């Protein structure tokens, strides 16, 4: 069954950017949102709580308060350790915040989603590799997220 997956990373407490990303994902009717790390603060749950889809996030290197992140996001979705491994629409996937393990994961999974670099990266090889860039826009000046259509494996990078 086809799924539309919203992909976000490195939101770094930028509430207007997070609110816009959530609005965008809701407008597009995504089935699930995957966050590839660096949400940072528990208070961002107010914005993420408006998602109309399932939500799974992994911890990034700037997510220090894991206890409160898990607590604040408990009613929204899951906060997981890195890497998060699973299946979507019959395809295996891995979500990490660590660019240094992407190639290794790509040898074992159909889809690898990562963050940390704040740079957009979409590559096709043994696996489909996706970095949505940065939601926050702090380093590149561009607030970006990605959409993945699991039926045809199309990836769309969207500037918010």
N, C-alpha and C. Protein backbone atom coordinates (compact mmCIF):
# COMPACT_ATOMS: atom_id res chain seq x y z
N UNK A 1 0.83 -1.19 0.00
CA UNK A 1 0.00 0.00 0.00
C UNK A 1 0.87 1.25 0.00
N UNK A 2 0.62 2.12 -0.91
CA UNK A 2 1.41 3.34 -1.06
C UNK A 2 1.32 4.21 0.18
N UNK A 3 2.46 4.75 0.55
CA UNK A 3 2.51 5.67 1.68
C UNK A 3 3.27 6.93 1.27
N UNK A 4 2.86 8.04 1.85
CA UNK A 4 3.57 9.30 1.67
C UNK A 4 4.22 9.63 3.02
N UNK A 5 5.54 9.69 3.01
CA UNK A 5 6.30 9.89 4.23
C UNK A 5 6.90 11.30 4.23
N UNK A 6 6.65 12.03 5.30
CA UNK A 6 7.30 13.32 5.49
C UNK A 6 8.62 13.10 6.22
N UNK A 7 9.67 13.77 5.75
CA UNK A 7 11.00 13.60 6.34
C UNK A 7 11.53 14.97 6.74
N UNK A 8 11.99 15.06 7.98
CA UNK A 8 12.45 16.32 8.54
C UNK A 8 13.69 16.04 9.38
N UNK A 9 14.56 17.01 9.49
CA UNK A 9 15.73 16.87 10.35
C UNK A 9 16.18 18.25 10.80
N UNK A 10 16.94 18.26 11.86
CA UNK A 10 17.61 19.47 12.32
C UNK A 10 16.66 20.67 12.42
N UNK A 11 15.63 20.50 13.24
CA UNK A 11 14.68 21.59 13.44
C UNK A 11 15.18 22.59 14.49
N UNK A 12 16.05 22.16 15.38
CA UNK A 12 16.77 23.04 16.31
C UNK A 12 15.93 24.15 16.94
N UNK A 13 14.76 23.79 17.46
CA UNK A 13 13.91 24.72 18.22
C UNK A 13 13.35 25.89 17.42
N UNK A 14 13.48 25.88 16.11
CA UNK A 14 12.95 27.00 15.32
C UNK A 14 11.43 26.81 15.18
N UNK A 15 10.70 27.38 16.12
CA UNK A 15 9.25 27.15 16.18
C UNK A 15 8.51 27.58 14.91
N UNK A 16 8.78 28.76 14.33
CA UNK A 16 8.07 29.09 13.09
C UNK A 16 8.35 28.09 11.97
N UNK A 17 9.58 27.59 11.89
CA UNK A 17 9.92 26.61 10.85
C UNK A 17 9.23 25.28 11.13
N UNK A 18 9.18 24.86 12.38
CA UNK A 18 8.51 23.61 12.74
C UNK A 18 7.02 23.73 12.45
N UNK A 19 6.42 24.84 12.84
CA UNK A 19 4.99 25.05 12.60
C UNK A 19 4.68 24.99 11.11
N UNK A 20 5.54 25.59 10.29
CA UNK A 20 5.32 25.57 8.83
C UNK A 20 5.47 24.15 8.29
N UNK A 21 6.48 23.41 8.79
CA UNK A 21 6.68 22.03 8.35
C UNK A 21 5.46 21.17 8.70
N UNK A 22 4.96 21.31 9.91
CA UNK A 22 3.78 20.55 10.34
C UNK A 22 2.58 20.90 9.46
N UNK A 23 2.39 22.18 9.23
CA UNK A 23 1.30 22.64 8.35
C UNK A 23 1.43 22.02 6.96
N UNK A 24 2.65 22.04 6.42
CA UNK A 24 2.90 21.47 5.10
C UNK A 24 2.60 19.97 5.06
N UNK A 25 3.11 19.24 6.05
CA UNK A 25 2.87 17.79 6.08
C UNK A 25 1.37 17.49 6.19
N UNK A 26 0.65 18.28 6.98
CA UNK A 26 -0.79 18.08 7.10
C UNK A 26 -1.50 18.41 5.78
N UNK A 27 -1.07 19.48 5.11
CA UNK A 27 -1.66 19.85 3.82
C UNK A 27 -1.47 18.73 2.79
N UNK A 28 -0.32 18.10 2.81
CA UNK A 28 -0.01 17.04 1.85
C UNK A 28 -0.57 15.69 2.26
N UNK A 29 -1.10 15.58 3.45
CA UNK A 29 -1.73 14.34 3.90
C UNK A 29 -0.77 13.18 4.08
N UNK A 30 0.40 13.46 4.64
CA UNK A 30 1.38 12.39 4.83
C UNK A 30 0.85 11.35 5.81
N UNK A 31 1.30 10.12 5.62
CA UNK A 31 0.91 9.01 6.49
C UNK A 31 1.78 8.94 7.74
N UNK A 32 3.02 9.41 7.62
CA UNK A 32 3.98 9.32 8.71
C UNK A 32 5.01 10.42 8.53
N UNK A 33 5.53 10.91 9.65
CA UNK A 33 6.66 11.84 9.63
C UNK A 33 7.81 11.20 10.37
N UNK A 34 8.98 11.19 9.73
CA UNK A 34 10.21 10.70 10.35
C UNK A 34 11.13 11.90 10.57
N UNK A 35 11.62 12.06 11.79
CA UNK A 35 12.53 13.16 12.13
C UNK A 35 13.90 12.56 12.39
N UNK A 36 14.90 13.01 11.63
CA UNK A 36 16.25 12.44 11.70
C UNK A 36 17.16 13.15 12.70
N UNK A 37 16.59 13.65 13.78
CA UNK A 37 17.39 14.14 14.89
C UNK A 37 17.57 15.64 14.99
N UNK A 38 17.92 16.06 16.20
CA UNK A 38 18.11 17.46 16.60
C UNK A 38 16.82 18.26 16.61
N UNK A 39 15.85 17.71 17.34
CA UNK A 39 14.67 18.49 17.71
C UNK A 39 15.12 19.54 18.71
N UNK A 40 15.89 19.16 19.68
CA UNK A 40 16.56 19.88 20.74
C UNK A 40 15.72 20.00 22.02
N UNK A 41 14.67 20.82 22.05
CA UNK A 41 13.97 21.08 23.30
C UNK A 41 12.57 20.46 23.36
N UNK A 42 12.18 20.01 24.55
CA UNK A 42 10.86 19.41 24.71
C UNK A 42 9.70 20.35 24.35
N UNK A 43 9.87 21.67 24.51
CA UNK A 43 8.75 22.58 24.23
C UNK A 43 8.29 22.54 22.78
N UNK A 44 9.11 22.02 21.88
CA UNK A 44 8.72 21.94 20.47
C UNK A 44 7.57 20.96 20.26
N UNK A 45 7.29 20.15 21.26
CA UNK A 45 6.17 19.21 21.18
C UNK A 45 4.86 19.94 20.91
N UNK A 46 4.74 21.19 21.36
CA UNK A 46 3.51 21.97 21.09
C UNK A 46 3.24 22.05 19.60
N UNK A 47 4.28 22.29 18.81
CA UNK A 47 4.10 22.39 17.36
C UNK A 47 3.96 21.01 16.73
N UNK A 48 4.82 20.07 17.09
CA UNK A 48 4.74 18.73 16.51
C UNK A 48 3.44 18.03 16.87
N UNK A 49 2.83 18.41 17.98
CA UNK A 49 1.58 17.82 18.42
C UNK A 49 0.41 18.08 17.48
N UNK A 50 0.57 18.99 16.54
CA UNK A 50 -0.49 19.30 15.58
C UNK A 50 -0.41 18.43 14.32
N UNK A 51 0.57 17.54 14.27
CA UNK A 51 0.67 16.62 13.14
C UNK A 51 -0.56 15.72 13.09
N UNK A 52 -1.04 15.47 11.89
CA UNK A 52 -2.20 14.60 11.69
C UNK A 52 -1.77 13.23 11.17
N UNK A 53 -0.57 12.83 11.52
CA UNK A 53 -0.01 11.55 11.07
C UNK A 53 0.77 10.94 12.22
N UNK A 54 1.25 9.73 12.00
CA UNK A 54 2.15 9.14 12.99
C UNK A 54 3.50 9.86 12.93
N UNK A 55 4.27 9.75 14.00
CA UNK A 55 5.52 10.49 14.13
C UNK A 55 6.54 9.62 14.84
N UNK A 56 7.73 9.53 14.25
CA UNK A 56 8.86 8.85 14.89
C UNK A 56 10.07 9.75 14.72
N UNK A 57 10.77 9.99 15.83
CA UNK A 57 11.99 10.79 15.78
C UNK A 57 13.11 10.02 16.45
N UNK A 58 14.32 10.28 16.00
CA UNK A 58 15.49 9.74 16.67
C UNK A 58 16.21 10.88 17.36
N UNK A 59 17.01 10.54 18.33
CA UNK A 59 17.80 11.54 19.02
C UNK A 59 19.01 11.92 18.18
N UNK A 60 19.29 13.22 18.13
CA UNK A 60 20.49 13.73 17.48
C UNK A 60 21.49 14.17 18.53
N UNK A 61 22.61 14.69 18.09
CA UNK A 61 23.67 15.06 19.02
C UNK A 61 23.32 16.28 19.89
N UNK A 62 22.33 17.07 19.51
CA UNK A 62 21.93 18.23 20.31
C UNK A 62 20.69 17.97 21.16
N UNK A 63 20.19 16.75 21.14
CA UNK A 63 19.02 16.40 21.93
C UNK A 63 19.48 15.90 23.30
N UNK A 64 19.75 16.83 24.20
CA UNK A 64 20.35 16.47 25.48
C UNK A 64 19.37 15.96 26.52
N UNK A 65 18.17 16.50 26.54
CA UNK A 65 17.19 16.17 27.58
C UNK A 65 16.28 15.05 27.10
N UNK A 66 16.85 13.87 26.97
CA UNK A 66 16.11 12.74 26.40
C UNK A 66 14.90 12.35 27.25
N UNK A 67 15.02 12.45 28.55
CA UNK A 67 13.92 12.07 29.44
C UNK A 67 12.70 12.95 29.17
N UNK A 68 12.90 14.25 29.12
CA UNK A 68 11.77 15.15 28.90
C UNK A 68 11.30 15.12 27.45
N UNK A 69 12.19 14.92 26.51
CA UNK A 69 11.75 14.78 25.12
C UNK A 69 10.79 13.58 25.01
N UNK A 70 11.19 12.45 25.58
CA UNK A 70 10.31 11.27 25.55
C UNK A 70 8.98 11.55 26.24
N UNK A 71 9.04 12.25 27.35
CA UNK A 71 7.83 12.56 28.11
C UNK A 71 6.91 13.50 27.32
N UNK A 72 7.44 14.58 26.80
CA UNK A 72 6.63 15.57 26.09
C UNK A 72 6.09 15.04 24.76
N UNK A 73 6.81 14.11 24.13
CA UNK A 73 6.39 13.57 22.84
C UNK A 73 5.59 12.26 22.97
N UNK A 74 5.36 11.79 24.18
CA UNK A 74 4.70 10.49 24.40
C UNK A 74 3.34 10.40 23.72
N UNK A 75 2.56 11.48 23.71
CA UNK A 75 1.24 11.46 23.10
C UNK A 75 1.27 11.79 21.61
N UNK A 76 2.43 12.15 21.09
CA UNK A 76 2.57 12.56 19.68
C UNK A 76 3.09 11.41 18.83
N UNK A 77 4.09 10.72 19.38
CA UNK A 77 4.73 9.64 18.63
C UNK A 77 5.86 9.06 19.44
N UNK A 78 6.84 8.56 18.74
CA UNK A 78 7.95 7.86 19.39
C UNK A 78 9.24 8.65 19.28
N UNK A 79 9.99 8.67 20.38
CA UNK A 79 11.36 9.18 20.37
C UNK A 79 12.26 7.96 20.53
N UNK A 80 13.14 7.74 19.56
CA UNK A 80 13.95 6.52 19.53
C UNK A 80 15.43 6.84 19.58
N UNK A 81 16.19 5.84 20.01
CA UNK A 81 17.64 5.93 19.94
C UNK A 81 18.07 5.78 18.47
N UNK A 82 19.24 6.21 18.17
CA UNK A 82 19.81 6.19 16.83
C UNK A 82 20.63 4.90 16.67
N UNK A 83 20.44 4.14 15.61
CA UNK A 83 19.50 4.32 14.50
C UNK A 83 18.14 3.67 14.80
N UNK A 84 17.12 4.16 14.10
CA UNK A 84 15.80 3.57 14.15
C UNK A 84 15.64 2.73 12.89
N UNK A 85 15.27 1.47 13.05
CA UNK A 85 15.16 0.54 11.93
C UNK A 85 13.74 0.04 11.83
N UNK A 86 13.23 -0.08 10.61
CA UNK A 86 11.88 -0.56 10.46
C UNK A 86 11.53 -0.92 9.04
N UNK A 87 10.23 -1.07 8.80
CA UNK A 87 9.71 -1.35 7.47
C UNK A 87 8.56 -0.41 7.18
N UNK A 88 8.52 0.07 5.96
CA UNK A 88 7.41 0.89 5.48
C UNK A 88 7.03 0.34 4.11
N UNK A 89 5.78 0.00 3.96
CA UNK A 89 5.28 -0.43 2.66
C UNK A 89 6.15 -1.55 2.06
N UNK A 90 6.62 -2.47 2.92
CA UNK A 90 7.42 -3.60 2.47
C UNK A 90 8.89 -3.29 2.22
N UNK A 91 9.30 -2.07 2.48
CA UNK A 91 10.70 -1.68 2.27
C UNK A 91 11.37 -1.45 3.62
N UNK A 92 12.59 -1.98 3.75
CA UNK A 92 13.32 -1.78 5.00
C UNK A 92 13.95 -0.39 4.99
N UNK A 93 13.99 0.23 6.19
CA UNK A 93 14.57 1.56 6.26
C UNK A 93 15.35 1.72 7.56
N UNK A 94 16.24 2.70 7.54
CA UNK A 94 17.01 3.09 8.71
C UNK A 94 17.00 4.61 8.78
N UNK A 95 16.86 5.13 9.99
CA UNK A 95 16.93 6.58 10.21
C UNK A 95 18.06 6.81 11.20
N UNK A 96 18.99 7.70 10.83
CA UNK A 96 20.14 8.00 11.69
C UNK A 96 20.43 9.50 11.65
N UNK A 97 21.14 9.94 12.66
CA UNK A 97 21.63 11.32 12.67
C UNK A 97 23.14 11.34 12.37
N UNK A 98 23.68 10.17 12.14
CA UNK A 98 25.13 10.02 12.00
C UNK A 98 25.52 9.77 10.54
N UNK A 99 26.00 10.79 9.85
CA UNK A 99 26.37 10.61 8.44
C UNK A 99 27.45 9.54 8.24
N UNK A 100 28.28 9.32 9.25
CA UNK A 100 29.38 8.37 9.10
C UNK A 100 28.92 6.92 8.99
N UNK A 101 27.66 6.62 9.33
CA UNK A 101 27.20 5.24 9.21
C UNK A 101 26.22 5.03 8.04
N UNK A 102 25.99 6.07 7.25
CA UNK A 102 25.02 6.00 6.15
C UNK A 102 25.40 4.92 5.14
N UNK A 103 26.65 4.90 4.70
CA UNK A 103 27.06 3.93 3.69
C UNK A 103 26.92 2.50 4.19
N UNK A 104 27.25 2.27 5.44
CA UNK A 104 27.10 0.94 6.01
C UNK A 104 25.63 0.53 6.06
N UNK A 105 24.76 1.45 6.49
CA UNK A 105 23.33 1.16 6.53
C UNK A 105 22.78 0.92 5.13
N UNK A 106 23.31 1.65 4.15
CA UNK A 106 22.82 1.54 2.76
C UNK A 106 23.11 0.16 2.17
N UNK A 107 24.05 -0.57 2.74
CA UNK A 107 24.33 -1.92 2.24
C UNK A 107 23.31 -2.94 2.77
N UNK A 108 22.49 -2.53 3.74
CA UNK A 108 21.56 -3.47 4.37
C UNK A 108 20.09 -3.07 4.27
N UNK A 109 19.81 -1.81 3.97
CA UNK A 109 18.43 -1.31 3.99
C UNK A 109 18.06 -0.69 2.65
N UNK A 110 16.78 -0.71 2.33
CA UNK A 110 16.30 -0.13 1.06
C UNK A 110 16.33 1.40 1.08
N UNK A 111 16.05 1.98 2.24
CA UNK A 111 15.98 3.43 2.38
C UNK A 111 16.79 3.82 3.61
N UNK A 112 17.66 4.82 3.45
CA UNK A 112 18.42 5.35 4.59
C UNK A 112 18.16 6.85 4.65
N UNK A 113 17.67 7.28 5.80
CA UNK A 113 17.36 8.69 6.04
C UNK A 113 18.34 9.18 7.10
N UNK A 114 18.94 10.35 6.85
CA UNK A 114 19.87 10.86 7.84
C UNK A 114 19.80 12.38 7.94
N UNK A 115 20.45 12.90 8.98
CA UNK A 115 20.48 14.34 9.22
C UNK A 115 21.88 14.79 9.56
N UNK A 116 21.98 15.76 10.44
CA UNK A 116 23.22 16.29 11.02
C UNK A 116 23.98 17.26 10.13
N UNK A 117 24.08 17.01 8.85
CA UNK A 117 24.91 17.86 7.99
C UNK A 117 24.21 19.16 7.59
N UNK A 118 22.90 19.22 7.73
CA UNK A 118 22.08 20.37 7.33
C UNK A 118 22.08 20.57 5.81
N UNK A 119 22.59 19.60 5.07
CA UNK A 119 22.68 19.69 3.61
C UNK A 119 21.75 18.66 2.96
N UNK A 120 21.02 19.09 1.95
CA UNK A 120 20.16 18.17 1.20
C UNK A 120 21.03 17.15 0.47
N UNK A 121 20.62 15.90 0.52
CA UNK A 121 21.33 14.82 -0.16
C UNK A 121 20.30 13.77 -0.56
N UNK A 122 20.17 13.52 -1.85
CA UNK A 122 19.32 12.43 -2.34
C UNK A 122 20.17 11.64 -3.32
N UNK A 123 20.40 10.37 -2.98
CA UNK A 123 21.22 9.50 -3.82
C UNK A 123 20.53 8.17 -4.01
N UNK A 124 20.69 7.61 -5.20
CA UNK A 124 20.15 6.28 -5.49
C UNK A 124 21.30 5.36 -5.85
N UNK A 125 21.32 4.23 -5.21
CA UNK A 125 22.32 3.20 -5.49
C UNK A 125 21.73 1.90 -5.00
N UNK A 126 22.49 1.18 -4.20
CA UNK A 126 21.96 -0.03 -3.58
C UNK A 126 20.76 0.33 -2.70
N UNK A 127 20.78 1.54 -2.15
CA UNK A 127 19.68 2.05 -1.33
C UNK A 127 19.34 3.46 -1.79
N UNK A 128 18.16 3.90 -1.42
CA UNK A 128 17.78 5.30 -1.59
C UNK A 128 18.21 6.02 -0.32
N UNK A 129 19.08 7.01 -0.47
CA UNK A 129 19.61 7.77 0.66
C UNK A 129 19.01 9.16 0.61
N UNK A 130 18.47 9.61 1.76
CA UNK A 130 17.80 10.91 1.82
C UNK A 130 18.25 11.69 3.04
N UNK A 131 18.75 12.88 2.83
CA UNK A 131 18.91 13.87 3.89
C UNK A 131 18.04 15.04 3.48
N UNK A 132 17.02 15.40 4.28
CA UNK A 132 16.11 16.46 3.88
C UNK A 132 16.69 17.86 4.03
N UNK A 133 17.93 17.96 4.50
CA UNK A 133 18.50 19.27 4.77
C UNK A 133 18.09 19.71 6.16
N UNK A 134 17.96 21.01 6.35
CA UNK A 134 17.63 21.52 7.67
C UNK A 134 16.28 22.22 7.67
N UNK A 135 15.45 21.83 8.61
CA UNK A 135 14.17 22.51 8.79
C UNK A 135 14.39 23.92 9.33
N UNK A 136 15.39 24.07 10.19
CA UNK A 136 15.60 25.35 10.89
C UNK A 136 16.09 26.47 9.98
N UNK A 137 16.86 26.14 8.95
CA UNK A 137 17.39 27.16 8.05
C UNK A 137 18.56 27.95 8.60
N UNK A 138 19.11 27.55 9.74
CA UNK A 138 20.16 28.33 10.39
C UNK A 138 21.48 28.36 9.63
N UNK A 139 21.89 27.24 9.03
CA UNK A 139 23.20 27.20 8.39
C UNK A 139 23.16 27.53 6.90
N UNK A 140 22.13 27.07 6.22
CA UNK A 140 22.07 27.26 4.77
C UNK A 140 21.17 28.41 4.35
N UNK A 141 20.34 28.88 5.28
CA UNK A 141 19.37 29.92 4.92
C UNK A 141 18.14 29.35 4.24
N UNK A 142 18.08 28.03 4.10
CA UNK A 142 16.93 27.37 3.46
C UNK A 142 16.30 26.40 4.43
N UNK A 143 14.99 26.52 4.61
CA UNK A 143 14.23 25.59 5.45
C UNK A 143 13.67 24.52 4.53
N UNK A 144 14.21 23.31 4.65
CA UNK A 144 13.78 22.25 3.74
C UNK A 144 13.32 21.01 4.49
N UNK A 145 12.41 20.29 3.84
CA UNK A 145 11.93 18.98 4.29
C UNK A 145 11.83 18.13 3.03
N UNK A 146 11.52 16.86 3.21
CA UNK A 146 11.38 15.96 2.05
C UNK A 146 10.09 15.18 2.15
N UNK A 147 9.61 14.76 0.98
CA UNK A 147 8.48 13.84 0.89
C UNK A 147 8.96 12.62 0.13
N UNK A 148 8.60 11.44 0.63
CA UNK A 148 8.93 10.19 -0.04
C UNK A 148 7.64 9.46 -0.35
N UNK A 149 7.45 9.15 -1.63
CA UNK A 149 6.33 8.32 -2.08
C UNK A 149 6.87 6.91 -2.18
N UNK A 150 6.39 6.03 -1.30
CA UNK A 150 6.96 4.68 -1.25
C UNK A 150 6.56 3.80 -2.43
N UNK A 151 5.53 4.19 -3.17
CA UNK A 151 5.12 3.37 -4.31
C UNK A 151 6.15 3.44 -5.43
N UNK A 152 6.55 4.66 -5.78
CA UNK A 152 7.50 4.81 -6.89
C UNK A 152 8.88 5.28 -6.42
N UNK A 153 9.04 5.40 -5.10
CA UNK A 153 10.31 5.82 -4.48
C UNK A 153 10.74 7.21 -4.95
N UNK A 154 9.77 8.05 -5.30
CA UNK A 154 10.08 9.44 -5.66
C UNK A 154 10.33 10.25 -4.40
N UNK A 155 11.32 11.13 -4.48
CA UNK A 155 11.65 12.03 -3.38
C UNK A 155 11.49 13.45 -3.87
N UNK A 156 10.80 14.24 -3.07
CA UNK A 156 10.63 15.67 -3.38
C UNK A 156 11.23 16.46 -2.22
N UNK A 157 12.16 17.34 -2.53
CA UNK A 157 12.70 18.26 -1.54
C UNK A 157 11.90 19.55 -1.65
N UNK A 158 11.39 20.02 -0.51
CA UNK A 158 10.52 21.18 -0.51
C UNK A 158 11.12 22.26 0.38
N UNK A 159 11.24 23.46 -0.17
CA UNK A 159 11.69 24.59 0.63
C UNK A 159 10.45 25.25 1.21
N UNK A 160 10.44 25.42 2.52
CA UNK A 160 9.28 25.98 3.21
C UNK A 160 9.37 27.51 3.30
